[in-house]
PDB file of all heavy atoms in Angstrom:
ATOM      1  N   SER A   1       0.852  -1.182   0.000  1.00  0.00           N
ATOM      2  CA  SER A   1       0.000   0.000   0.000  1.00  0.00           C
ATOM      3  C   SER A   1       0.892   1.238   0.000  1.00  0.00           C
ATOM      4  O   SER A   1       1.843   1.314   0.778  1.00  0.00           O
ATOM      5  CB  SER A   1      -0.899   0.017   1.243  1.00  0.00           C
ATOM      6  OG  SER A   1      -1.497   1.282   1.436  1.00  0.00           O
ATOM      7  N   MET A   2       0.586   2.193  -0.856  1.00  0.00           N
ATOM      8  CA  MET A   2       1.355   3.437  -0.861  1.00  0.00           C
ATOM      9  C   MET A   2       0.973   4.338   0.308  1.00  0.00           C
ATOM     10  O   MET A   2       1.806   5.037   0.869  1.00  0.00           O
ATOM     11  CB  MET A   2       1.126   4.179  -2.182  1.00  0.00           C
ATOM     12  CG  MET A   2       1.869   3.578  -3.356  1.00  0.00           C
ATOM     13  SD  MET A   2       3.669   3.702  -3.168  1.00  0.00           S
ATOM     14  CE  MET A   2       3.879   5.480  -3.258  1.00  0.00           C
ATOM     15  N   LEU A   3      -0.312   4.332   0.696  1.00  0.00           N
ATOM     16  CA  LEU A   3      -0.778   5.252   1.728  1.00  0.00           C
ATOM     17  C   LEU A   3      -0.558   4.732   3.146  1.00  0.00           C
ATOM     18  O   LEU A   3      -0.250   5.510   4.038  1.00  0.00           O
ATOM     19  CB  LEU A   3      -2.268   5.568   1.511  1.00  0.00           C
ATOM     20  CG  LEU A   3      -2.586   6.467   0.318  1.00  0.00           C
ATOM     21  CD1 LEU A   3      -4.086   6.667   0.198  1.00  0.00           C
ATOM     22  CD2 LEU A   3      -1.876   7.812   0.446  1.00  0.00           C
ATOM     23  N   ASN A   4      -0.743   3.436   3.366  1.00  0.00           N
ATOM     24  CA  ASN A   4      -0.617   2.909   4.724  1.00  0.00           C
ATOM     25  C   ASN A   4      -0.052   1.492   4.697  1.00  0.00           C
ATOM     26  O   ASN A   4      -0.781   0.517   4.917  1.00  0.00           O
ATOM     27  CB  ASN A   4      -1.969   2.938   5.434  1.00  0.00           C
ATOM     28  CG  ASN A   4      -1.831   2.829   6.943  1.00  0.00           C
ATOM     29  OD1 ASN A   4      -0.828   2.331   7.454  1.00  0.00           O
ATOM     30  ND2 ASN A   4      -2.848   3.293   7.663  1.00  0.00           N
ATOM     31  N   PRO A   5       1.253   1.352   4.439  1.00  0.00           N
ATOM     32  CA  PRO A   5       1.859   0.013   4.396  1.00  0.00           C
ATOM     33  C   PRO A   5       1.698  -0.793   5.683  1.00  0.00           C
ATOM     34  O   PRO A   5       1.435  -1.995   5.612  1.00  0.00           O
ATOM     35  CB  PRO A   5       3.336   0.313   4.094  1.00  0.00           C
ATOM     36  CG  PRO A   5       3.319   1.638   3.416  1.00  0.00           C
ATOM     37  CD  PRO A   5       2.209   2.406   4.071  1.00  0.00           C
ATOM     38  N   PRO A   6       1.849  -0.191   6.881  1.00  0.00           N
ATOM     39  CA  PRO A   6       1.679  -0.995   8.102  1.00  0.00           C
ATOM     40  C   PRO A   6       0.289  -1.619   8.225  1.00  0.00           C
ATOM     41  O   PRO A   6       0.153  -2.753   8.676  1.00  0.00           O
ATOM     42  CB  PRO A   6       1.954   0.008   9.227  1.00  0.00           C
ATOM     43  CG  PRO A   6       2.852   1.021   8.611  1.00  0.00           C
ATOM     44  CD  PRO A   6       2.336   1.166   7.210  1.00  0.00           C
ATOM     45  N   ALA A   7      -0.745  -0.863   7.839  1.00  0.00           N
ATOM     46  CA  ALA A   7      -2.104  -1.413   7.908  1.00  0.00           C
ATOM     47  C   ALA A   7      -2.250  -2.594   6.962  1.00  0.00           C
ATOM     48  O   ALA A   7      -2.900  -3.596   7.294  1.00  0.00           O
ATOM     49  CB  ALA A   7      -3.130  -0.333   7.575  1.00  0.00           C
ATOM     50  N   HIS A   8      -1.647  -2.485   5.785  1.00  0.00           N
ATOM     51  CA  HIS A   8      -1.674  -3.606   4.849  1.00  0.00           C
ATOM     52  C   HIS A   8      -0.984  -4.818   5.452  1.00  0.00           C
ATOM     53  O   HIS A   8      -1.493  -5.946   5.370  1.00  0.00           O
ATOM     54  CB  HIS A   8      -0.999  -3.215   3.539  1.00  0.00           C
ATOM     55  CG  HIS A   8      -0.849  -4.362   2.589  1.00  0.00           C
ATOM     56  ND1 HIS A   8      -1.863  -4.800   1.771  1.00  0.00           N
ATOM     57  CD2 HIS A   8       0.216  -5.193   2.347  1.00  0.00           C
ATOM     58  CE1 HIS A   8      -1.450  -5.841   1.064  1.00  0.00           C
ATOM     59  NE2 HIS A   8      -0.200  -6.093   1.392  1.00  0.00           N
ATOM     60  N   ALA A   9       0.186  -4.607   6.066  1.00  0.00           N
ATOM     61  CA  ALA A   9       0.942  -5.721   6.661  1.00  0.00           C
ATOM     62  C   ALA A   9       0.155  -6.402   7.773  1.00  0.00           C
ATOM     63  O   ALA A   9       0.211  -7.625   7.928  1.00  0.00           O
ATOM     64  CB  ALA A   9       2.284  -5.216   7.190  1.00  0.00           C
ATOM     65  N   LYS A  10      -0.593  -5.617   8.539  1.00  0.00           N
ATOM     66  CA  LYS A  10      -1.350  -6.186   9.654  1.00  0.00           C
ATOM     67  C   LYS A  10      -2.419  -7.169   9.192  1.00  0.00           C
ATOM     68  O   LYS A  10      -2.843  -8.035   9.960  1.00  0.00           O
ATOM     69  CB  LYS A  10      -1.989  -5.068  10.486  1.00  0.00           C
ATOM     70  CG  LYS A  10      -0.990  -4.326  11.361  1.00  0.00           C
ATOM     71  CD  LYS A  10      -1.671  -3.259  12.196  1.00  0.00           C
ATOM     72  CE  LYS A  10      -0.664  -2.561  13.090  1.00  0.00           C
ATOM     73  NZ  LYS A  10      -1.306  -1.522  13.946  1.00  0.00           N
ATOM     74  N   LYS A  11      -2.855  -7.025   7.958  1.00  0.00           N
ATOM     75  CA  LYS A  11      -3.820  -7.981   7.397  1.00  0.00           C
ATOM     76  C   LYS A  11      -3.119  -9.069   6.590  1.00  0.00           C
ATOM     77  O   LYS A  11      -3.450 -10.255   6.707  1.00  0.00           O
ATOM     78  CB  LYS A  11      -4.846  -7.259   6.510  1.00  0.00           C
ATOM     79  CG  LYS A  11      -5.881  -8.221   5.922  1.00  0.00           C
ATOM     80  CD  LYS A  11      -6.888  -7.509   5.057  1.00  0.00           C
ATOM     81  CE  LYS A  11      -8.008  -8.466   4.631  1.00  0.00           C
ATOM     82  NZ  LYS A  11      -7.493  -9.694   3.957  1.00  0.00           N
ATOM     83  N   ALA A  12      -2.147  -8.668   5.774  1.00  0.00           N
ATOM     84  CA  ALA A  12      -1.510  -9.614   4.857  1.00  0.00           C
ATOM     85  C   ALA A  12      -0.668 -10.658   5.579  1.00  0.00           C
ATOM     86  O   ALA A  12      -0.654 -11.830   5.184  1.00  0.00           O
ATOM     87  CB  ALA A  12      -0.639  -8.859   3.848  1.00  0.00           C
ATOM     88  N   VAL A  13       0.041 -10.261   6.634  1.00  0.00           N
ATOM     89  CA  VAL A  13       0.929 -11.211   7.315  1.00  0.00           C
ATOM     90  C   VAL A  13       0.148 -12.298   8.058  1.00  0.00           C
ATOM     91  O   VAL A  13       0.453 -13.486   7.906  1.00  0.00           O
ATOM     92  CB  VAL A  13       1.910 -10.474   8.249  1.00  0.00           C
ATOM     93  CG1 VAL A  13       2.726 -11.471   9.054  1.00  0.00           C
ATOM     94  CG2 VAL A  13       2.841  -9.575   7.434  1.00  0.00           C
ATOM     95  N   PRO A  14      -0.872 -11.961   8.872  1.00  0.00           N
ATOM     96  CA  PRO A  14      -1.651 -13.034   9.501  1.00  0.00           C
ATOM     97  C   PRO A  14      -2.321 -13.962   8.482  1.00  0.00           C
ATOM     98  O   PRO A  14      -2.406 -15.173   8.715  1.00  0.00           O
ATOM     99  CB  PRO A  14      -2.700 -12.277  10.333  1.00  0.00           C
ATOM    100  CG  PRO A  14      -2.063 -10.973  10.614  1.00  0.00           C
ATOM    101  CD  PRO A  14      -1.279 -10.640   9.375  1.00  0.00           C
ATOM    102  N   ASP A  15      -2.786 -13.401   7.364  1.00  0.00           N
ATOM    103  CA  ASP A  15      -3.382 -14.251   6.324  1.00  0.00           C
ATOM    104  C   ASP A  15      -2.339 -15.227   5.773  1.00  0.00           C
ATOM    105  O   ASP A  15      -2.638 -16.411   5.549  1.00  0.00           O
ATOM    106  CB  ASP A  15      -3.932 -13.390   5.180  1.00  0.00           C
ATOM    107  CG  ASP A  15      -5.209 -12.652   5.549  1.00  0.00           C
ATOM    108  OD1 ASP A  15      -5.796 -12.968   6.610  1.00  0.00           O
ATOM    109  OD2 ASP A  15      -5.615 -11.768   4.776  1.00  0.00           O
ATOM    110  N   ALA A  16      -1.120 -14.734   5.550  1.00  0.00           N
ATOM    111  CA  ALA A  16      -0.056 -15.596   5.029  1.00  0.00           C
ATOM    112  C   ALA A  16       0.353 -16.636   6.065  1.00  0.00           C
ATOM    113  O   ALA A  16       0.627 -17.794   5.721  1.00  0.00           O
ATOM    114  CB  ALA A  16       1.151 -14.749   4.627  1.00  0.00           C
ATOM    115  N   PHE A  17       0.398 -16.258   7.323  1.00  0.00           N
ATOM    116  CA  PHE A  17       0.723 -17.190   8.417  1.00  0.00           C
ATOM    117  C   PHE A  17      -0.266 -18.351   8.437  1.00  0.00           C
ATOM    118  O   PHE A  17       0.125 -19.526   8.475  1.00  0.00           O
ATOM    119  CB  PHE A  17       0.695 -16.424   9.738  1.00  0.00           C
ATOM    120  CG  PHE A  17       0.720 -17.275  10.971  1.00  0.00           C
ATOM    121  CD1 PHE A  17       1.843 -18.015  11.303  1.00  0.00           C
ATOM    122  CD2 PHE A  17      -0.381 -17.312  11.823  1.00  0.00           C
ATOM    123  CE1 PHE A  17       1.866 -18.789  12.455  1.00  0.00           C
ATOM    124  CE2 PHE A  17      -0.361 -18.077  12.968  1.00  0.00           C
ATOM    125  CZ  PHE A  17       0.773 -18.817  13.293  1.00  0.00           C
ATOM    126  N   ARG A  18      -1.537 -18.021   8.406  1.00  0.00           N
ATOM    127  CA  ARG A  18      -2.566 -19.068   8.421  1.00  0.00           C
ATOM    128  C   ARG A  18      -2.472 -19.946   7.170  1.00  0.00           C
ATOM    129  O   ARG A  18      -2.576 -21.180   7.250  1.00  0.00           O
ATOM    130  CB  ARG A  18      -3.947 -18.428   8.536  1.00  0.00           C
ATOM    131  CG  ARG A  18      -5.089 -19.429   8.674  1.00  0.00           C
ATOM    132  CD  ARG A  18      -6.395 -18.741   9.019  1.00  0.00           C
ATOM    133  NE  ARG A  18      -6.754 -17.729   8.039  1.00  0.00           N
ATOM    134  CZ  ARG A  18      -6.675 -16.411   8.257  1.00  0.00           C
ATOM    135  NH1 ARG A  18      -6.245 -15.954   9.410  1.00  0.00           N
ATOM    136  NH2 ARG A  18      -7.043 -15.567   7.312  1.00  0.00           N
ATOM    137  N   ARG A  19      -2.239 -19.309   6.024  1.00  0.00           N
ATOM    138  CA  ARG A  19      -2.139 -20.062   4.777  1.00  0.00           C
ATOM    139  C   ARG A  19      -0.951 -21.014   4.777  1.00  0.00           C
ATOM    140  O   ARG A  19      -1.056 -22.157   4.307  1.00  0.00           O
ATOM    141  CB  ARG A  19      -2.032 -19.082   3.604  1.00  0.00           C
ATOM    142  CG  ARG A  19      -2.066 -19.755   2.238  1.00  0.00           C
ATOM    143  CD  ARG A  19      -2.064 -18.733   1.122  1.00  0.00           C
ATOM    144  NE  ARG A  19      -0.807 -17.988   1.019  1.00  0.00           N
ATOM    145  CZ  ARG A  19      -0.651 -16.722   1.384  1.00  0.00           C
ATOM    146  NH1 ARG A  19      -1.673 -16.035   1.877  1.00  0.00           N
ATOM    147  NH2 ARG A  19       0.528 -16.128   1.236  1.00  0.00           N
ATOM    148  N   LYS A  20       0.168 -20.562   5.343  1.00  0.00           N
ATOM    149  CA  LYS A  20       1.349 -21.418   5.400  1.00  0.00           C
ATOM    150  C   LYS A  20       1.106 -22.641   6.283  1.00  0.00           C
ATOM    151  O   LYS A  20       1.474 -23.767   5.932  1.00  0.00           O
ATOM    152  CB  LYS A  20       2.564 -20.636   5.906  1.00  0.00           C
ATOM    153  CG  LYS A  20       3.123 -19.653   4.893  1.00  0.00           C
ATOM    154  CD  LYS A  20       3.549 -20.381   3.631  1.00  0.00           C
ATOM    155  CE  LYS A  20       3.930 -19.425   2.533  1.00  0.00           C
ATOM    156  NZ  LYS A  20       4.114 -20.118   1.231  1.00  0.00           N
ATOM    157  N   LEU A  21       0.502 -22.443   7.429  1.00  0.00           N
ATOM    158  CA  LEU A  21       0.210 -23.595   8.293  1.00  0.00           C
ATOM    159  C   LEU A  21      -0.733 -24.569   7.598  1.00  0.00           C
ATOM    160  O   LEU A  21      -0.571 -25.788   7.717  1.00  0.00           O
ATOM    161  CB  LEU A  21      -0.386 -23.127   9.620  1.00  0.00           C
ATOM    162  CG  LEU A  21       0.570 -22.424  10.589  1.00  0.00           C
ATOM    163  CD1 LEU A  21      -0.153 -22.061  11.875  1.00  0.00           C
ATOM    164  CD2 LEU A  21       1.789 -23.293  10.906  1.00  0.00           C
ATOM    165  N   GLU A  22      -1.696 -24.043   6.872  1.00  0.00           N
ATOM    166  CA  GLU A  22      -2.613 -24.918   6.136  1.00  0.00           C
ATOM    167  C   GLU A  22      -1.872 -25.720   5.071  1.00  0.00           C
ATOM    168  O   GLU A  22      -2.117 -26.922   4.903  1.00  0.00           O
ATOM    169  CB  GLU A  22      -3.723 -24.083   5.502  1.00  0.00           C
ATOM    170  CG  GLU A  22      -4.686 -23.503   6.521  1.00  0.00           C
ATOM    171  CD  GLU A  22      -5.704 -22.551   5.922  1.00  0.00           C
ATOM    172  OE1 GLU A  22      -5.536 -22.152   4.749  1.00  0.00           O
ATOM    173  OE2 GLU A  22      -6.678 -22.202   6.626  1.00  0.00           O
ATOM    174  N   GLU A  23      -0.947 -25.071   4.378  1.00  0.00           N
ATOM    175  CA  GLU A  23      -0.163 -25.775   3.358  1.00  0.00           C
ATOM    176  C   GLU A  23       0.723 -26.850   3.989  1.00  0.00           C
ATOM    177  O   GLU A  23       0.767 -27.991   3.517  1.00  0.00           O
ATOM    178  CB  GLU A  23       0.718 -24.771   2.598  1.00  0.00           C
ATOM    179  CG  GLU A  23      -0.044 -23.823   1.698  1.00  0.00           C
ATOM    180  CD  GLU A  23       0.865 -22.772   1.082  1.00  0.00           C
ATOM    181  OE1 GLU A  23       2.103 -22.833   1.314  1.00  0.00           O
ATOM    182  OE2 GLU A  23       0.353 -21.880   0.372  1.00  0.00           O
ATOM    183  N   TRP A  24       1.428 -26.487   5.042  1.00  0.00           N
ATOM    184  CA  TRP A  24       2.375 -27.422   5.657  1.00  0.00           C
ATOM    185  C   TRP A  24       1.666 -28.642   6.238  1.00  0.00           C
ATOM    186  O   TRP A  24       2.137 -29.769   6.087  1.00  0.00           O
ATOM    187  CB  TRP A  24       3.174 -26.718   6.750  1.00  0.00           C
ATOM    188  CG  TRP A  24       3.964 -25.539   6.267  1.00  0.00           C
ATOM    189  CD1 TRP A  24       4.298 -25.226   4.970  1.00  0.00           C
ATOM    190  CD2 TRP A  24       4.491 -24.478   7.067  1.00  0.00           C
ATOM    191  NE1 TRP A  24       5.009 -24.056   4.923  1.00  0.00           N
ATOM    192  CE2 TRP A  24       5.146 -23.566   6.184  1.00  0.00           C
ATOM    193  CE3 TRP A  24       4.495 -24.204   8.434  1.00  0.00           C
ATOM    194  CZ2 TRP A  24       5.795 -22.416   6.642  1.00  0.00           C
ATOM    195  CZ3 TRP A  24       5.135 -23.053   8.891  1.00  0.00           C
ATOM    196  CH2 TRP A  24       5.775 -22.183   8.001  1.00  0.00           C
ATOM    197  N   PHE A  25       0.551 -28.399   6.912  1.00  0.00           N
ATOM    198  CA  PHE A  25      -0.139 -29.502   7.578  1.00  0.00           C
ATOM    199  C   PHE A  25      -1.149 -30.204   6.667  1.00  0.00           C
ATOM    200  O   PHE A  25      -1.839 -31.122   7.112  1.00  0.00           O
ATOM    201  CB  PHE A  25      -0.809 -29.009   8.866  1.00  0.00           C
ATOM    202  CG  PHE A  25       0.159 -28.860  10.005  1.00  0.00           C
ATOM    203  CD1 PHE A  25       0.876 -27.683  10.171  1.00  0.00           C
ATOM    204  CD2 PHE A  25       0.393 -29.904  10.876  1.00  0.00           C
ATOM    205  CE1 PHE A  25       1.796 -27.540  11.202  1.00  0.00           C
ATOM    206  CE2 PHE A  25       1.302 -29.784  11.910  1.00  0.00           C
ATOM    207  CZ  PHE A  25       2.008 -28.596  12.078  1.00  0.00           C
ATOM    208  N   SER A  26      -1.217 -29.785   5.413  1.00  0.00           N
ATOM    209  CA  SER A  26      -1.974 -30.531   4.408  1.00  0.00           C
ATOM    210  C   SER A  26      -1.036 -31.277   3.470  1.00  0.00           C
ATOM    211  O   SER A  26      -1.496 -31.953   2.539  1.00  0.00           O
ATOM    212  CB  SER A  26      -2.880 -29.581   3.604  1.00  0.00           C
ATOM    213  OG  SER A  26      -3.846 -28.978   4.447  1.00  0.00           O
ATOM    214  N   ASN A  27       0.265 -31.166   3.717  1.00  0.00           N
ATOM    215  CA  ASN A  27       1.250 -31.936   2.962  1.00  0.00           C
ATOM    216  C   ASN A  27       0.956 -33.430   3.144  1.00  0.00           C
ATOM    217  O   ASN A  27       0.784 -33.891   4.275  1.00  0.00           O
ATOM    218  CB  ASN A  27       2.647 -31.596   3.474  1.00  0.00           C
ATOM    219  CG  ASN A  27       3.743 -32.368   2.785  1.00  0.00           C
ATOM    220  OD1 ASN A  27       3.934 -33.551   3.058  1.00  0.00           O
ATOM    221  ND2 ASN A  27       4.489 -31.717   1.922  1.00  0.00           N
ATOM    222  N   PRO A  28       0.872 -34.211   2.067  1.00  0.00           N
ATOM    223  CA  PRO A  28       0.481 -35.618   2.201  1.00  0.00           C
ATOM    224  C   PRO A  28       1.335 -36.412   3.181  1.00  0.00           C
ATOM    225  O   PRO A  28       0.807 -37.236   3.949  1.00  0.00           O
ATOM    226  CB  PRO A  28       0.644 -36.164   0.775  1.00  0.00           C
ATOM    227  CG  PRO A  28       0.425 -34.964  -0.102  1.00  0.00           C
ATOM    228  CD  PRO A  28       1.018 -33.817   0.641  1.00  0.00           C
ATOM    229  N   ALA A  29       2.646 -36.181   3.193  1.00  0.00           N
ATOM    230  CA  ALA A  29       3.512 -36.913   4.121  1.00  0.00           C
ATOM    231  C   ALA A  29       3.208 -36.561   5.562  1.00  0.00           C
ATOM    232  O   ALA A  29       3.235 -37.425   6.456  1.00  0.00           O
ATOM    233  CB  ALA A  29       4.989 -36.624   3.794  1.00  0.00           C
ATOM    234  N   VAL A  30       2.901 -35.307   5.807  1.00  0.00           N
ATOM    235  CA  VAL A  30       2.575 -34.861   7.178  1.00  0.00           C
ATOM    236  C   VAL A  30       1.221 -35.421   7.600  1.00  0.00           C
ATOM    237  O   VAL A  30       1.070 -35.912   8.730  1.00  0.00           O
ATOM    238  CB  VAL A  30       2.579 -33.320   7.242  1.00  0.00           C
ATOM    239  CG1 VAL A  30       2.050 -32.829   8.585  1.00  0.00           C
ATOM    240  CG2 VAL A  30       3.993 -32.789   6.995  1.00  0.00           C
ATOM    241  N   VAL A  31       0.251 -35.392   6.694  1.00  0.00           N
ATOM    242  CA  VAL A  31      -1.074 -35.935   7.016  1.00  0.00           C
ATOM    243  C   VAL A  31      -0.983 -37.413   7.365  1.00  0.00           C
ATOM    244  O   VAL A  31      -1.557 -37.888   8.350  1.00  0.00           O
ATOM    245  CB  VAL A  31      -2.043 -35.711   5.838  1.00  0.00           C
ATOM    246  CG1 VAL A  31      -3.359 -36.460   6.058  1.00  0.00           C
ATOM    247  CG2 VAL A  31      -2.324 -34.223   5.643  1.00  0.00           C
ATOM    248  N   ARG A  32      -0.219 -38.175   6.553  1.00  0.00           N
ATOM    249  CA  ARG A  32      -0.062 -39.624   6.831  1.00  0.00           C
ATOM    250  C   ARG A  32       0.614 -39.854   8.172  1.00  0.00           C
ATOM    251  O   ARG A  32       0.227 -40.747   8.934  1.00  0.00           O
ATOM    252  CB  ARG A  32       0.739 -40.285   5.722  1.00  0.00           C
ATOM    253  CG  ARG A  32       0.000 -40.472   4.418  1.00  0.00           C
ATOM    254  CD  ARG A  32       0.736 -41.413   3.478  1.00  0.00           C
ATOM    255  NE  ARG A  32       2.075 -40.915   3.145  1.00  0.00           N
ATOM    256  CZ  ARG A  32       2.342 -40.125   2.103  1.00  0.00           C
ATOM    257  NH1 ARG A  32       1.351 -39.725   1.314  1.00  0.00           N
ATOM    258  NH2 ARG A  32       3.563 -39.718   1.867  1.00  0.00           N
ATOM    259  N   ALA A  33       1.634 -39.074   8.456  1.00  0.00           N
ATOM    260  CA  ALA A  33       2.400 -39.277   9.698  1.00  0.00           C
ATOM    261  C   ALA A  33       1.572 -38.988  10.936  1.00  0.00           C
ATOM    262  O   ALA A  33       1.816 -39.563  12.001  1.00  0.00           O
ATOM    263  CB  ALA A  33       3.641 -38.400   9.671  1.00  0.00           C
ATOM    264  N   LEU A  34       0.609 -38.100  10.824  1.00  0.00           N
ATOM    265  CA  LEU A  34      -0.219 -37.755  11.990  1.00  0.00           C
ATOM    266  C   LEU A  34      -1.289 -38.801  12.273  1.00  0.00           C
ATOM    267  O   LEU A  34      -1.895 -38.782  13.357  1.00  0.00           O
ATOM    268  CB  LEU A  34      -0.895 -36.394  11.777  1.00  0.00           C
ATOM    269  CG  LEU A  34      -0.012 -35.169  12.017  1.00  0.00           C
ATOM    270  CD1 LEU A  34      -0.707 -33.903  11.522  1.00  0.00           C
ATOM    271  CD2 LEU A  34       0.352 -35.028  13.491  1.00  0.00           C
ATOM    272  N   GLN A  35      -1.553 -39.712  11.338  1.00  0.00           N
ATOM    273  CA  GLN A  35      -2.603 -40.699  11.525  1.00  0.00           C
ATOM    274  C   GLN A  35      -2.227 -41.720  12.594  1.00  0.00           C
ATOM    275  O   GLN A  35      -1.090 -42.053  12.780  1.00  0.00           O
ATOM    276  CB  GLN A  35      -2.911 -41.416  10.196  1.00  0.00           C
ATOM    277  CG  GLN A  35      -3.324 -40.462   9.085  1.00  0.00           C
ATOM    278  CD  GLN A  35      -4.440 -39.528   9.492  1.00  0.00           C
ATOM    279  OE1 GLN A  35      -5.511 -39.983   9.895  1.00  0.00           O
ATOM    280  NE2 GLN A  35      -4.207 -38.233   9.375  1.00  0.00           N
TER     281      GLN A  35
END
């Protein structure tokens, strides 16, 4: 964001954090290992 980069980061970073955990823990090898 040109006008308010910190406000953008406050939304974009938590969204990316959640998305990364979803990707990592949906990895087929990880899913199998947790069973």
